[in-house]
N, C-alpha and C. Protein backbone atom coordinates (compact mmCIF):
# COMPACT_ATOMS: atom_id res chain seq x y z
N UNK A 1 0.83 -1.19 0.00
CA UNK A 1 0.00 0.00 0.00
C UNK A 1 0.88 1.25 0.00
N UNK A 2 0.25 2.35 -0.31
CA UNK A 2 0.94 3.62 -0.25
C UNK A 2 0.14 4.58 0.61
N UNK A 3 0.83 5.22 1.51
CA UNK A 3 0.19 6.26 2.28
C UNK A 3 0.26 7.56 1.51
N UNK A 4 -0.23 8.60 2.12
CA UNK A 4 -0.34 9.85 1.40
C UNK A 4 0.10 11.02 2.25
N UNK A 5 0.92 11.86 1.69
CA UNK A 5 1.06 13.21 2.22
C UNK A 5 1.39 14.12 1.08
N UNK A 6 1.04 15.37 1.20
CA UNK A 6 1.34 16.28 0.11
C UNK A 6 1.80 17.60 0.65
N UNK A 7 2.59 18.27 -0.17
CA UNK A 7 3.15 19.57 0.14
C UNK A 7 2.78 20.46 -1.03
N UNK A 8 1.99 21.47 -0.77
CA UNK A 8 1.38 22.22 -1.86
C UNK A 8 1.99 23.61 -1.97
N UNK A 9 2.40 23.95 -3.17
CA UNK A 9 2.94 25.27 -3.45
C UNK A 9 2.15 25.85 -4.61
N UNK A 10 1.05 26.53 -4.31
CA UNK A 10 0.26 27.08 -5.40
C UNK A 10 0.86 28.35 -5.96
N UNK A 11 1.90 28.88 -5.30
CA UNK A 11 2.56 30.06 -5.85
C UNK A 11 3.13 29.73 -7.22
N UNK A 12 3.62 28.52 -7.38
CA UNK A 12 4.15 28.09 -8.68
C UNK A 12 3.23 27.06 -9.33
N UNK A 13 2.00 26.97 -8.84
CA UNK A 13 1.04 25.99 -9.36
C UNK A 13 1.68 24.60 -9.39
N UNK A 14 2.23 24.21 -8.25
CA UNK A 14 3.04 23.00 -8.18
C UNK A 14 2.66 22.20 -6.94
N UNK A 15 2.65 20.89 -7.07
CA UNK A 15 2.37 20.03 -5.94
C UNK A 15 3.44 18.96 -5.85
N UNK A 16 3.96 18.71 -4.64
CA UNK A 16 4.92 17.65 -4.41
C UNK A 16 4.17 16.52 -3.69
N UNK A 17 4.25 15.31 -4.23
CA UNK A 17 3.56 14.18 -3.61
C UNK A 17 4.55 13.23 -2.98
N UNK A 18 4.18 12.68 -1.85
CA UNK A 18 5.04 11.75 -1.13
C UNK A 18 4.35 10.40 -1.05
N UNK A 19 4.94 9.36 -1.60
CA UNK A 19 4.40 8.02 -1.47
C UNK A 19 5.15 7.26 -0.40
N UNK A 20 4.42 6.55 0.45
CA UNK A 20 5.04 5.85 1.57
C UNK A 20 4.63 4.39 1.59
N UNK A 21 5.58 3.43 1.70
CA UNK A 21 5.20 2.03 1.86
C UNK A 21 4.50 1.86 3.19
N UNK A 22 3.38 1.13 3.21
CA UNK A 22 2.61 1.06 4.44
C UNK A 22 1.68 -0.13 4.46
N UNK A 23 1.47 -0.67 5.64
CA UNK A 23 0.42 -1.65 5.86
C UNK A 23 -0.72 -1.02 6.66
N UNK A 24 -0.63 0.29 6.86
CA UNK A 24 -1.61 0.98 7.69
C UNK A 24 -2.91 1.21 6.95
N UNK A 25 -2.82 1.54 5.65
CA UNK A 25 -3.99 2.05 4.97
C UNK A 25 -4.88 0.95 4.40
N UNK A 26 -6.17 1.27 4.33
CA UNK A 26 -7.20 0.31 3.97
C UNK A 26 -7.11 -0.11 2.51
N UNK A 27 -7.64 -1.30 2.22
CA UNK A 27 -7.70 -1.76 0.84
C UNK A 27 -8.63 -0.88 0.01
N UNK A 28 -9.44 -0.06 0.65
CA UNK A 28 -10.31 0.85 -0.07
C UNK A 28 -9.53 1.84 -0.92
N UNK A 29 -8.24 2.01 -0.61
CA UNK A 29 -7.44 2.95 -1.38
C UNK A 29 -6.35 2.23 -2.17
N UNK A 30 -6.62 1.00 -2.59
CA UNK A 30 -5.66 0.23 -3.36
C UNK A 30 -5.28 0.95 -4.65
N UNK A 31 -6.23 1.69 -5.24
CA UNK A 31 -5.91 2.37 -6.50
C UNK A 31 -4.92 3.50 -6.33
N UNK A 32 -4.51 3.77 -5.07
CA UNK A 32 -3.40 4.70 -4.88
C UNK A 32 -2.13 4.14 -5.54
N UNK A 33 -1.99 2.85 -5.54
CA UNK A 33 -0.72 2.25 -5.97
C UNK A 33 -0.35 2.67 -7.38
N UNK A 34 -1.29 2.49 -8.32
CA UNK A 34 -0.97 2.82 -9.70
C UNK A 34 -0.74 4.31 -9.88
N UNK A 35 -1.61 5.13 -9.25
CA UNK A 35 -1.50 6.56 -9.46
C UNK A 35 -0.29 7.15 -8.78
N UNK A 36 0.26 6.45 -7.78
CA UNK A 36 1.43 6.96 -7.08
C UNK A 36 2.75 6.43 -7.66
N UNK A 37 2.67 5.64 -8.72
CA UNK A 37 3.91 5.15 -9.33
C UNK A 37 4.77 6.31 -9.82
N UNK A 38 4.13 7.41 -10.14
CA UNK A 38 4.87 8.59 -10.59
C UNK A 38 5.79 9.14 -9.51
N UNK A 39 5.49 8.82 -8.27
CA UNK A 39 6.20 9.47 -7.19
C UNK A 39 7.67 9.10 -7.12
N UNK A 40 7.98 7.89 -7.52
CA UNK A 40 9.38 7.47 -7.48
C UNK A 40 10.12 7.81 -8.76
N UNK A 41 9.45 8.52 -9.63
CA UNK A 41 10.08 8.95 -10.87
C UNK A 41 9.72 10.42 -11.11
N UNK A 42 10.25 11.32 -10.27
CA UNK A 42 9.88 12.73 -10.38
C UNK A 42 10.13 13.32 -11.75
N UNK A 43 11.11 12.76 -12.46
CA UNK A 43 11.42 13.31 -13.77
C UNK A 43 10.28 13.07 -14.74
N UNK A 44 9.38 12.12 -14.41
CA UNK A 44 8.27 11.83 -15.30
C UNK A 44 7.12 12.81 -15.11
N UNK A 45 7.15 13.58 -14.05
CA UNK A 45 6.07 14.52 -13.79
C UNK A 45 6.15 15.69 -14.76
N UNK A 46 5.00 16.19 -15.21
CA UNK A 46 5.03 17.33 -16.12
C UNK A 46 5.59 18.57 -15.44
N UNK A 47 6.27 19.39 -16.22
CA UNK A 47 6.82 20.63 -15.67
C UNK A 47 5.68 21.58 -15.35
N UNK A 48 5.60 22.04 -14.08
CA UNK A 48 4.51 22.94 -13.72
C UNK A 48 4.57 24.23 -14.53
N UNK A 49 3.40 24.72 -14.96
CA UNK A 49 3.33 25.94 -15.72
C UNK A 49 2.63 27.00 -14.89
N UNK A 50 3.31 28.09 -14.54
CA UNK A 50 2.65 29.14 -13.76
C UNK A 50 1.40 29.64 -14.48
N UNK A 51 0.35 29.84 -13.73
CA UNK A 51 -0.91 30.32 -14.28
C UNK A 51 -1.09 31.78 -13.88
N UNK A 52 -1.14 32.70 -14.83
CA UNK A 52 -1.16 34.12 -14.47
C UNK A 52 -2.42 34.56 -13.75
N UNK A 53 -3.56 33.99 -14.13
CA UNK A 53 -4.81 34.35 -13.49
C UNK A 53 -5.64 33.10 -13.29
N UNK A 54 -6.65 33.20 -12.42
CA UNK A 54 -7.54 32.08 -12.19
C UNK A 54 -8.90 32.62 -11.82
N UNK A 55 -9.92 31.82 -11.99
CA UNK A 55 -11.28 32.21 -11.66
C UNK A 55 -11.71 31.49 -10.40
N UNK A 56 -12.23 32.23 -9.42
CA UNK A 56 -12.74 31.61 -8.21
C UNK A 56 -14.01 30.86 -8.54
N UNK A 57 -14.05 29.59 -8.20
CA UNK A 57 -15.20 28.75 -8.53
C UNK A 57 -16.08 28.56 -7.31
N UNK A 58 -17.36 28.35 -7.57
CA UNK A 58 -18.28 28.08 -6.46
C UNK A 58 -17.95 26.72 -5.86
N UNK A 59 -18.10 26.59 -4.55
CA UNK A 59 -17.85 25.33 -3.87
C UNK A 59 -19.04 25.01 -3.00
N UNK A 60 -19.14 23.76 -2.53
CA UNK A 60 -20.26 23.37 -1.68
C UNK A 60 -20.07 23.74 -0.21
N UNK A 61 -19.15 24.66 0.07
CA UNK A 61 -18.91 25.08 1.44
C UNK A 61 -19.87 26.21 1.81
N UNK A 62 -20.47 26.11 2.97
CA UNK A 62 -21.38 27.14 3.44
C UNK A 62 -20.72 27.91 4.58
N UNK A 63 -21.18 29.10 4.85
CA UNK A 63 -20.65 29.87 5.95
C UNK A 63 -21.76 30.24 6.92
N UNK A 64 -21.43 30.26 8.18
CA UNK A 64 -22.40 30.64 9.20
C UNK A 64 -21.63 31.19 10.39
N UNK A 65 -21.94 32.44 10.76
CA UNK A 65 -21.31 33.08 11.92
C UNK A 65 -19.78 33.06 11.82
N UNK A 66 -19.25 33.21 10.61
CA UNK A 66 -17.81 33.24 10.41
C UNK A 66 -17.16 31.88 10.33
N UNK A 67 -17.92 30.81 10.48
CA UNK A 67 -17.38 29.45 10.43
C UNK A 67 -17.78 28.82 9.10
N UNK A 68 -16.79 28.21 8.42
CA UNK A 68 -17.03 27.57 7.14
C UNK A 68 -17.33 26.09 7.34
N UNK A 69 -18.42 25.60 6.73
CA UNK A 69 -18.84 24.21 6.86
C UNK A 69 -18.66 23.49 5.53
N UNK A 70 -18.28 22.21 5.61
CA UNK A 70 -18.32 21.42 4.38
C UNK A 70 -19.79 21.13 4.06
N UNK A 71 -20.05 20.70 2.81
CA UNK A 71 -21.43 20.52 2.36
C UNK A 71 -22.19 19.52 3.22
N UNK A 72 -21.50 18.48 3.70
CA UNK A 72 -22.15 17.46 4.51
C UNK A 72 -22.21 17.84 5.98
N UNK A 73 -21.65 19.00 6.30
CA UNK A 73 -21.55 19.46 7.69
C UNK A 73 -20.88 18.42 8.59
N UNK A 74 -19.83 17.83 8.05
CA UNK A 74 -19.00 16.91 8.82
C UNK A 74 -18.04 17.67 9.72
N UNK A 75 -17.55 18.80 9.21
CA UNK A 75 -16.58 19.60 9.96
C UNK A 75 -16.77 21.07 9.62
N UNK A 76 -16.09 21.91 10.38
CA UNK A 76 -16.09 23.34 10.09
C UNK A 76 -14.74 23.92 10.45
N UNK A 77 -14.47 25.12 9.93
CA UNK A 77 -13.21 25.79 10.16
C UNK A 77 -13.44 27.29 10.04
N UNK A 78 -12.66 28.07 10.77
CA UNK A 78 -12.76 29.53 10.69
C UNK A 78 -11.56 30.06 9.92
N UNK A 79 -11.80 30.71 8.80
CA UNK A 79 -10.72 31.29 8.01
C UNK A 79 -10.39 32.69 8.49
N UNK A 80 -9.14 33.11 8.37
CA UNK A 80 -8.79 34.50 8.69
C UNK A 80 -9.57 35.47 7.82
N UNK A 81 -9.76 36.66 8.30
CA UNK A 81 -10.50 37.67 7.56
C UNK A 81 -9.82 37.93 6.22
N UNK A 82 -10.61 37.97 5.17
CA UNK A 82 -10.08 38.23 3.83
C UNK A 82 -9.65 36.99 3.07
N UNK A 83 -9.58 35.83 3.74
CA UNK A 83 -9.22 34.59 3.07
C UNK A 83 -10.46 33.95 2.47
N UNK A 84 -10.24 33.08 1.51
CA UNK A 84 -11.36 32.44 0.84
C UNK A 84 -11.05 30.98 0.60
N UNK A 85 -11.96 30.28 -0.07
CA UNK A 85 -11.82 28.85 -0.28
C UNK A 85 -12.24 28.50 -1.69
N UNK A 86 -11.71 27.42 -2.22
CA UNK A 86 -12.07 26.95 -3.55
C UNK A 86 -11.81 25.45 -3.61
N UNK A 87 -12.79 24.68 -3.21
CA UNK A 87 -12.64 23.23 -3.17
C UNK A 87 -12.38 22.65 -4.56
N UNK A 88 -13.07 23.18 -5.57
CA UNK A 88 -12.89 22.67 -6.92
C UNK A 88 -11.45 22.88 -7.40
N UNK A 89 -10.91 24.06 -7.12
CA UNK A 89 -9.53 24.34 -7.51
C UNK A 89 -8.57 23.39 -6.79
N UNK A 90 -8.79 23.19 -5.48
CA UNK A 90 -7.94 22.28 -4.72
C UNK A 90 -8.00 20.87 -5.24
N UNK A 91 -9.20 20.42 -5.57
CA UNK A 91 -9.34 19.05 -6.09
C UNK A 91 -8.70 18.90 -7.46
N UNK A 92 -8.81 19.93 -8.29
CA UNK A 92 -8.19 19.84 -9.62
C UNK A 92 -6.67 19.89 -9.51
N UNK A 93 -6.16 20.68 -8.56
CA UNK A 93 -4.71 20.82 -8.39
C UNK A 93 -4.11 19.59 -7.73
N UNK A 94 -4.80 19.03 -6.76
CA UNK A 94 -4.25 17.96 -5.93
C UNK A 94 -4.88 16.61 -6.26
N UNK A 95 -6.19 16.53 -6.07
CA UNK A 95 -6.86 15.24 -6.17
C UNK A 95 -6.78 14.59 -7.53
N UNK A 96 -6.88 15.39 -8.60
CA UNK A 96 -6.85 14.81 -9.93
C UNK A 96 -5.52 14.14 -10.22
N UNK A 97 -4.44 14.58 -9.55
CA UNK A 97 -3.13 14.00 -9.80
C UNK A 97 -3.00 12.59 -9.24
N UNK A 98 -3.84 12.24 -8.29
CA UNK A 98 -3.79 10.90 -7.72
C UNK A 98 -5.03 10.09 -8.07
N UNK A 99 -5.93 10.67 -8.87
CA UNK A 99 -7.10 9.95 -9.31
C UNK A 99 -8.22 9.87 -8.29
N UNK A 100 -8.05 10.53 -7.14
CA UNK A 100 -9.05 10.47 -6.08
C UNK A 100 -9.31 11.88 -5.55
N UNK A 101 -9.89 12.75 -6.36
CA UNK A 101 -10.07 14.14 -5.93
C UNK A 101 -10.96 14.29 -4.71
N UNK A 102 -11.86 13.33 -4.47
CA UNK A 102 -12.77 13.46 -3.34
C UNK A 102 -12.09 13.29 -1.99
N UNK A 103 -10.82 12.86 -1.99
CA UNK A 103 -10.08 12.83 -0.72
C UNK A 103 -9.86 14.25 -0.19
N UNK A 104 -9.85 15.22 -1.08
CA UNK A 104 -9.67 16.61 -0.68
C UNK A 104 -11.00 17.14 -0.17
N UNK A 105 -11.05 17.51 1.10
CA UNK A 105 -12.29 17.96 1.73
C UNK A 105 -12.38 19.47 1.84
N UNK A 106 -11.22 20.14 1.83
CA UNK A 106 -11.22 21.60 1.93
C UNK A 106 -9.92 22.12 1.34
N UNK A 107 -10.02 23.25 0.64
CA UNK A 107 -8.83 23.91 0.13
C UNK A 107 -9.11 25.40 0.05
N UNK A 108 -8.16 26.19 0.50
CA UNK A 108 -8.33 27.64 0.43
C UNK A 108 -7.14 28.33 1.05
N UNK A 109 -7.32 29.61 1.37
CA UNK A 109 -6.25 30.36 1.99
C UNK A 109 -6.26 31.81 1.56
N UNK A 110 -5.08 32.40 1.57
CA UNK A 110 -4.90 33.79 1.15
C UNK A 110 -4.72 33.79 -0.36
N UNK A 111 -5.62 34.41 -1.06
CA UNK A 111 -5.65 34.30 -2.51
C UNK A 111 -4.56 35.14 -3.16
N UNK A 112 -3.88 34.52 -4.14
CA UNK A 112 -2.93 35.22 -5.00
C UNK A 112 -3.31 34.89 -6.44
N UNK A 113 -2.56 35.39 -7.40
CA UNK A 113 -2.93 35.22 -8.80
C UNK A 113 -3.01 33.76 -9.22
N UNK A 114 -2.10 32.93 -8.70
CA UNK A 114 -2.03 31.53 -9.15
C UNK A 114 -2.69 30.55 -8.18
N UNK A 115 -3.28 31.04 -7.11
CA UNK A 115 -3.90 30.11 -6.18
C UNK A 115 -4.04 30.71 -4.81
N UNK A 116 -3.38 30.10 -3.82
CA UNK A 116 -3.46 30.55 -2.44
C UNK A 116 -2.10 30.42 -1.77
N UNK A 117 -1.68 31.44 -1.04
CA UNK A 117 -0.40 31.40 -0.35
C UNK A 117 -0.45 32.38 0.83
N UNK A 118 -0.45 31.83 2.07
CA UNK A 118 -0.43 30.42 2.43
C UNK A 118 -1.73 29.73 2.03
N UNK A 119 -1.69 28.40 2.05
CA UNK A 119 -2.89 27.64 1.73
C UNK A 119 -3.22 26.64 2.83
N UNK A 120 -4.49 26.33 2.93
CA UNK A 120 -5.00 25.35 3.90
C UNK A 120 -5.56 24.17 3.13
N UNK A 121 -5.14 22.98 3.50
CA UNK A 121 -5.58 21.76 2.86
C UNK A 121 -6.09 20.78 3.92
N UNK A 122 -7.25 20.19 3.67
CA UNK A 122 -7.79 19.15 4.55
C UNK A 122 -8.08 17.93 3.70
N UNK A 123 -7.50 16.79 4.08
CA UNK A 123 -7.68 15.52 3.38
C UNK A 123 -8.16 14.48 4.38
N UNK A 124 -9.03 13.58 3.96
CA UNK A 124 -9.39 12.44 4.81
C UNK A 124 -9.22 11.15 4.03
N UNK A 125 -8.87 10.09 4.74
CA UNK A 125 -8.53 8.81 4.13
C UNK A 125 -8.91 7.68 5.07
N UNK A 126 -9.65 6.65 4.61
CA UNK A 126 -10.02 5.54 5.50
C UNK A 126 -8.81 4.73 5.93
N UNK A 127 -8.81 4.29 7.18
CA UNK A 127 -7.75 3.43 7.71
C UNK A 127 -8.41 2.25 8.41
N UNK A 128 -7.70 1.15 8.60
CA UNK A 128 -8.29 -0.02 9.25
C UNK A 128 -8.70 0.26 10.69
N UNK A 129 -9.67 -0.47 11.15
CA UNK A 129 -10.14 -0.32 12.52
C UNK A 129 -8.99 -0.54 13.50
N UNK A 130 -8.90 0.31 14.51
CA UNK A 130 -7.87 0.17 15.53
C UNK A 130 -6.53 0.74 15.17
N UNK A 131 -6.45 1.47 14.05
CA UNK A 131 -5.16 2.05 13.64
C UNK A 131 -4.65 3.00 14.70
N UNK A 132 -3.38 2.85 15.04
CA UNK A 132 -2.74 3.68 16.05
C UNK A 132 -2.26 4.99 15.43
N UNK A 133 -2.56 6.11 16.08
CA UNK A 133 -2.21 7.40 15.52
C UNK A 133 -0.70 7.54 15.32
N UNK A 134 0.09 7.02 16.24
CA UNK A 134 1.54 7.14 16.10
C UNK A 134 2.03 6.34 14.90
N UNK A 135 1.44 5.16 14.68
CA UNK A 135 1.84 4.35 13.53
C UNK A 135 1.43 5.03 12.22
N UNK A 136 0.23 5.58 12.20
CA UNK A 136 -0.22 6.31 11.01
C UNK A 136 0.71 7.49 10.74
N UNK A 137 1.01 8.25 11.79
CA UNK A 137 1.89 9.41 11.63
C UNK A 137 3.29 9.00 11.19
N UNK A 138 3.78 7.86 11.70
CA UNK A 138 5.09 7.36 11.27
C UNK A 138 5.13 7.21 9.76
N UNK A 139 4.06 6.62 9.21
CA UNK A 139 4.02 6.37 7.77
C UNK A 139 3.94 7.67 6.99
N UNK A 140 3.20 8.63 7.53
CA UNK A 140 3.05 9.90 6.85
C UNK A 140 4.35 10.69 6.85
N UNK A 141 4.96 10.79 8.02
CA UNK A 141 6.10 11.69 8.19
C UNK A 141 7.41 11.10 7.68
N UNK A 142 7.52 9.77 7.68
CA UNK A 142 8.80 9.13 7.38
C UNK A 142 9.35 9.49 6.01
N UNK A 143 8.49 9.72 5.06
CA UNK A 143 9.00 10.04 3.73
C UNK A 143 8.61 11.42 3.25
N UNK A 144 8.25 12.30 4.19
CA UNK A 144 7.70 13.61 3.80
C UNK A 144 8.63 14.34 2.84
N UNK A 145 9.88 14.54 3.23
CA UNK A 145 10.77 15.36 2.41
C UNK A 145 11.19 14.66 1.12
N UNK A 146 11.00 13.34 1.04
CA UNK A 146 11.42 12.61 -0.16
C UNK A 146 10.65 13.08 -1.39
N UNK A 147 9.42 13.54 -1.19
CA UNK A 147 8.62 13.95 -2.33
C UNK A 147 8.77 15.41 -2.68
N UNK A 148 9.47 16.16 -1.88
CA UNK A 148 9.66 17.58 -2.17
C UNK A 148 10.83 17.73 -3.12
N UNK A 149 10.53 17.94 -4.38
CA UNK A 149 11.57 17.93 -5.40
C UNK A 149 12.58 19.05 -5.20
N UNK A 150 12.21 20.10 -4.47
CA UNK A 150 13.14 21.20 -4.26
C UNK A 150 13.76 21.16 -2.86
N UNK A 151 13.55 20.08 -2.11
CA UNK A 151 14.09 20.00 -0.75
C UNK A 151 15.61 20.14 -0.78
N UNK A 152 16.14 20.89 0.18
CA UNK A 152 17.57 21.10 0.26
C UNK A 152 18.10 20.45 1.54
N UNK A 153 19.41 20.56 1.74
CA UNK A 153 20.02 20.00 2.95
C UNK A 153 19.58 20.74 4.20
N UNK A 154 18.93 21.90 4.02
CA UNK A 154 18.45 22.68 5.16
C UNK A 154 17.02 22.31 5.56
N UNK A 155 16.41 21.32 4.87
CA UNK A 155 15.05 20.94 5.22
C UNK A 155 15.04 20.19 6.55
N UNK A 156 13.96 20.33 7.30
CA UNK A 156 13.88 19.77 8.64
C UNK A 156 12.43 19.46 8.99
N UNK A 157 12.21 18.39 9.78
CA UNK A 157 10.87 18.06 10.26
C UNK A 157 10.91 17.91 11.77
N UNK A 158 10.02 18.63 12.44
CA UNK A 158 9.83 18.47 13.88
C UNK A 158 8.47 17.82 14.11
N UNK A 159 8.42 16.95 15.10
CA UNK A 159 7.21 16.18 15.36
C UNK A 159 6.84 16.27 16.84
N UNK A 160 5.52 16.37 17.11
CA UNK A 160 5.04 16.50 18.48
C UNK A 160 3.79 15.64 18.65
N UNK A 161 3.71 14.90 19.75
CA UNK A 161 2.48 14.19 20.12
C UNK A 161 1.63 15.16 20.93
N UNK A 162 0.40 15.38 20.49
CA UNK A 162 -0.46 16.38 21.11
C UNK A 162 -1.86 15.82 21.27
N UNK A 163 -2.70 16.58 21.94
CA UNK A 163 -4.13 16.28 22.00
C UNK A 163 -4.84 17.32 21.15
N UNK A 164 -5.77 16.86 20.31
CA UNK A 164 -6.50 17.77 19.43
C UNK A 164 -7.95 17.30 19.37
N UNK A 165 -8.87 18.15 19.76
CA UNK A 165 -10.29 17.82 19.79
C UNK A 165 -10.56 16.62 20.70
N UNK A 166 -9.76 16.50 21.75
CA UNK A 166 -9.92 15.40 22.67
C UNK A 166 -9.38 14.08 22.17
N UNK A 167 -8.67 14.11 21.05
CA UNK A 167 -8.11 12.90 20.44
C UNK A 167 -6.59 12.96 20.48
N UNK A 168 -5.95 11.78 20.56
CA UNK A 168 -4.50 11.73 20.37
C UNK A 168 -4.19 12.17 18.95
N UNK A 169 -3.20 13.00 18.80
CA UNK A 169 -2.86 13.55 17.49
C UNK A 169 -1.36 13.71 17.38
N UNK A 170 -0.90 13.91 16.16
CA UNK A 170 0.50 14.23 15.91
C UNK A 170 0.54 15.52 15.10
N UNK A 171 1.33 16.45 15.59
CA UNK A 171 1.56 17.71 14.89
C UNK A 171 3.00 17.72 14.40
N UNK A 172 3.21 18.22 13.20
CA UNK A 172 4.58 18.32 12.71
C UNK A 172 4.77 19.61 11.95
N UNK A 173 6.01 20.02 11.86
CA UNK A 173 6.37 21.23 11.11
C UNK A 173 7.52 20.87 10.17
N UNK A 174 7.28 20.99 8.88
CA UNK A 174 8.32 20.81 7.87
C UNK A 174 8.79 22.20 7.44
N UNK A 175 10.08 22.40 7.41
CA UNK A 175 10.61 23.69 6.96
C UNK A 175 11.84 23.48 6.09
N UNK A 176 12.05 24.41 5.20
CA UNK A 176 13.23 24.39 4.35
C UNK A 176 13.60 25.84 4.07
N UNK A 177 14.56 26.36 4.82
CA UNK A 177 14.91 27.78 4.72
C UNK A 177 15.66 28.08 3.43
N UNK A 178 16.05 27.05 2.68
CA UNK A 178 16.78 27.28 1.44
C UNK A 178 15.98 26.89 0.21
N UNK A 179 14.67 26.67 0.37
CA UNK A 179 13.83 26.34 -0.78
C UNK A 179 13.99 27.44 -1.83
N UNK A 180 14.43 27.08 -3.05
CA UNK A 180 14.74 28.10 -4.07
C UNK A 180 13.51 28.86 -4.57
N UNK A 181 12.32 28.35 -4.29
CA UNK A 181 11.13 29.01 -4.78
C UNK A 181 10.62 30.11 -3.85
N UNK A 182 11.24 30.24 -2.66
CA UNK A 182 10.77 31.20 -1.68
C UNK A 182 11.96 32.00 -1.14
N UNK A 183 11.84 33.33 -1.08
CA UNK A 183 13.00 34.15 -0.68
C UNK A 183 13.51 33.86 0.72
N UNK A 184 12.61 33.49 1.64
CA UNK A 184 13.02 33.20 3.02
C UNK A 184 12.79 31.75 3.41
N UNK A 185 12.47 30.91 2.43
CA UNK A 185 12.22 29.51 2.73
C UNK A 185 10.73 29.17 2.79
N UNK A 186 10.45 27.91 3.07
CA UNK A 186 9.09 27.35 3.01
C UNK A 186 8.78 26.63 4.31
N UNK A 187 7.51 26.65 4.71
CA UNK A 187 7.10 25.93 5.92
C UNK A 187 5.74 25.30 5.71
N UNK A 188 5.57 24.10 6.24
CA UNK A 188 4.28 23.42 6.22
C UNK A 188 4.03 22.83 7.60
N UNK A 189 2.89 23.18 8.20
CA UNK A 189 2.49 22.64 9.50
C UNK A 189 1.32 21.70 9.29
N UNK A 190 1.39 20.51 9.89
CA UNK A 190 0.33 19.54 9.73
C UNK A 190 -0.15 18.97 11.05
N UNK A 191 -1.42 18.62 11.10
CA UNK A 191 -2.01 17.93 12.24
C UNK A 191 -2.65 16.65 11.70
N UNK A 192 -2.31 15.52 12.31
CA UNK A 192 -2.81 14.22 11.88
C UNK A 192 -3.64 13.63 13.01
N UNK A 193 -4.87 13.23 12.71
CA UNK A 193 -5.73 12.58 13.70
C UNK A 193 -6.43 11.39 13.04
N UNK A 194 -6.87 10.46 13.87
CA UNK A 194 -7.68 9.33 13.41
C UNK A 194 -8.96 9.33 14.22
N UNK A 195 -10.09 9.31 13.52
CA UNK A 195 -11.41 9.33 14.18
C UNK A 195 -12.36 8.46 13.38
N UNK A 196 -12.99 7.50 14.06
CA UNK A 196 -13.96 6.62 13.41
C UNK A 196 -13.38 5.95 12.16
N UNK A 197 -12.16 5.45 12.30
CA UNK A 197 -11.47 4.73 11.22
C UNK A 197 -11.20 5.59 9.99
N UNK A 198 -11.06 6.87 10.22
CA UNK A 198 -10.70 7.79 9.14
C UNK A 198 -9.54 8.66 9.62
N UNK A 199 -8.51 8.74 8.81
CA UNK A 199 -7.40 9.64 9.09
C UNK A 199 -7.71 11.00 8.48
N UNK A 200 -7.50 12.04 9.26
CA UNK A 200 -7.65 13.40 8.79
C UNK A 200 -6.29 14.09 8.84
N UNK A 201 -5.94 14.76 7.75
CA UNK A 201 -4.72 15.55 7.70
C UNK A 201 -5.12 17.00 7.47
N UNK A 202 -4.71 17.85 8.37
CA UNK A 202 -4.95 19.28 8.26
C UNK A 202 -3.60 19.93 8.01
N UNK A 203 -3.48 20.71 6.97
CA UNK A 203 -2.16 21.20 6.58
C UNK A 203 -2.21 22.67 6.19
N UNK A 204 -1.21 23.40 6.62
CA UNK A 204 -1.05 24.81 6.27
C UNK A 204 0.35 24.98 5.69
N UNK A 205 0.47 25.59 4.52
CA UNK A 205 1.76 25.71 3.86
C UNK A 205 1.93 27.09 3.25
N UNK A 206 3.18 27.58 3.26
CA UNK A 206 3.44 28.86 2.63
C UNK A 206 4.87 29.31 2.81
N UNK A 207 5.19 30.46 2.22
CA UNK A 207 6.53 31.01 2.30
C UNK A 207 6.79 31.66 3.64
N UNK A 208 8.02 31.51 4.15
CA UNK A 208 8.36 32.04 5.47
C UNK A 208 8.41 33.56 5.51
N UNK A 209 8.48 34.21 4.36
CA UNK A 209 8.41 35.68 4.38
C UNK A 209 7.02 36.16 4.78
N UNK A 210 6.06 35.21 4.77
CA UNK A 210 4.68 35.52 5.17
C UNK A 210 4.43 35.01 6.59
N UNK A 211 5.38 35.26 7.51
CA UNK A 211 5.29 34.68 8.85
C UNK A 211 3.97 35.00 9.54
N UNK A 212 3.53 36.24 9.47
CA UNK A 212 2.28 36.62 10.11
C UNK A 212 1.10 35.87 9.50
N UNK A 213 1.12 35.73 8.17
CA UNK A 213 0.04 35.02 7.49
C UNK A 213 0.08 33.52 7.81
N UNK A 214 1.28 32.97 7.92
CA UNK A 214 1.41 31.57 8.30
C UNK A 214 0.84 31.33 9.70
N UNK A 215 1.11 32.27 10.61
CA UNK A 215 0.56 32.13 11.95
C UNK A 215 -0.97 32.16 11.94
N UNK A 216 -1.54 33.01 11.09
CA UNK A 216 -3.00 33.05 10.95
C UNK A 216 -3.51 31.74 10.35
N UNK A 217 -2.73 31.18 9.45
CA UNK A 217 -3.09 29.91 8.82
C UNK A 217 -3.12 28.80 9.86
N UNK A 218 -2.12 28.77 10.74
CA UNK A 218 -2.07 27.75 11.79
C UNK A 218 -3.24 27.93 12.75
N UNK A 219 -3.59 29.17 13.08
CA UNK A 219 -4.76 29.42 13.92
C UNK A 219 -6.02 28.88 13.26
N UNK A 220 -6.11 29.00 11.95
CA UNK A 220 -7.27 28.46 11.23
C UNK A 220 -7.31 26.94 11.35
N UNK A 221 -6.14 26.28 11.21
CA UNK A 221 -6.11 24.83 11.39
C UNK A 221 -6.63 24.45 12.76
N UNK A 222 -6.22 25.19 13.77
CA UNK A 222 -6.59 24.87 15.14
C UNK A 222 -8.04 25.18 15.45
N UNK A 223 -8.71 25.92 14.52
CA UNK A 223 -10.14 26.17 14.69
C UNK A 223 -11.00 25.03 14.17
N UNK A 224 -10.38 24.06 13.49
CA UNK A 224 -11.11 22.92 12.91
C UNK A 224 -11.87 22.18 14.00
N UNK A 225 -13.08 21.77 13.70
CA UNK A 225 -13.84 20.93 14.62
C UNK A 225 -14.81 20.06 13.84
N UNK A 226 -15.15 18.93 14.40
CA UNK A 226 -16.16 18.06 13.81
C UNK A 226 -17.54 18.53 14.24
N UNK A 227 -18.51 18.39 13.36
CA UNK A 227 -19.88 18.83 13.66
C UNK A 227 -20.75 17.63 14.05
C-alpha cells in the first residue's frame, strides 16, 4: 500500500507528492498504488506551468457566523479575515493528480494570482479499525521530504504528540529555509488525527516571508472541529 502526504505550493502551481510504503492504509485505497507510481520517478512529472490568473469557482462550502462548513456538515473551520476557499480548484490541483479528488475535503487560503499562499488543505482517508495514531503518523512523516523535489540539505521536520479535539494527534512542522522558490524559505504545519477509522490531515503551507500570514493559517487549522 501507499500512504499519502502532500506539500502544496500554489505560488508556482506546483504540488509535491510523497508516497510511503505502508500496511496501515485500507484496501479501499488500493488504487493509490498505480496513481502513485509517478512518485518514485519525479522526472516523469510534467513541468509545472505558472498560471497568471484564475477564476474563483463556487464550492459546496457554506458559511455561518464566520465558520465555514463542508457541504455534509462533517466539519467546520474559521478562516482568517479576507481569506477564501475553492474546493474545486484544490481538487483539480491535488486530487486529480492521484485519481481520487474526493479525498480533498477543503482547500483555500490567502488568494494570490495563481492560487493561495499560504494555503490550507484538509484531506481524509479511510484506515483499518484500531489504527494507532503514532503508527499512522510514522508512515506519513517518514517520507515527507522525499517527495519535495526542491528540498535542500536545510530541510527539517519536527514532530510532536499532542491532544486535538480530545483525540490523540500528531503535529509536525516541515521547513526548508533554502527552498529556491521562496525568498526566506518554506514551511508546512500539519495535524494528523484518526477518528472513526478515518485519518484526517490538516495542513497549512506557505513562504516564510509571510510569517504573520502563516501564523494566521495555523490558527485556522486549530479552529477545525467536527460537527
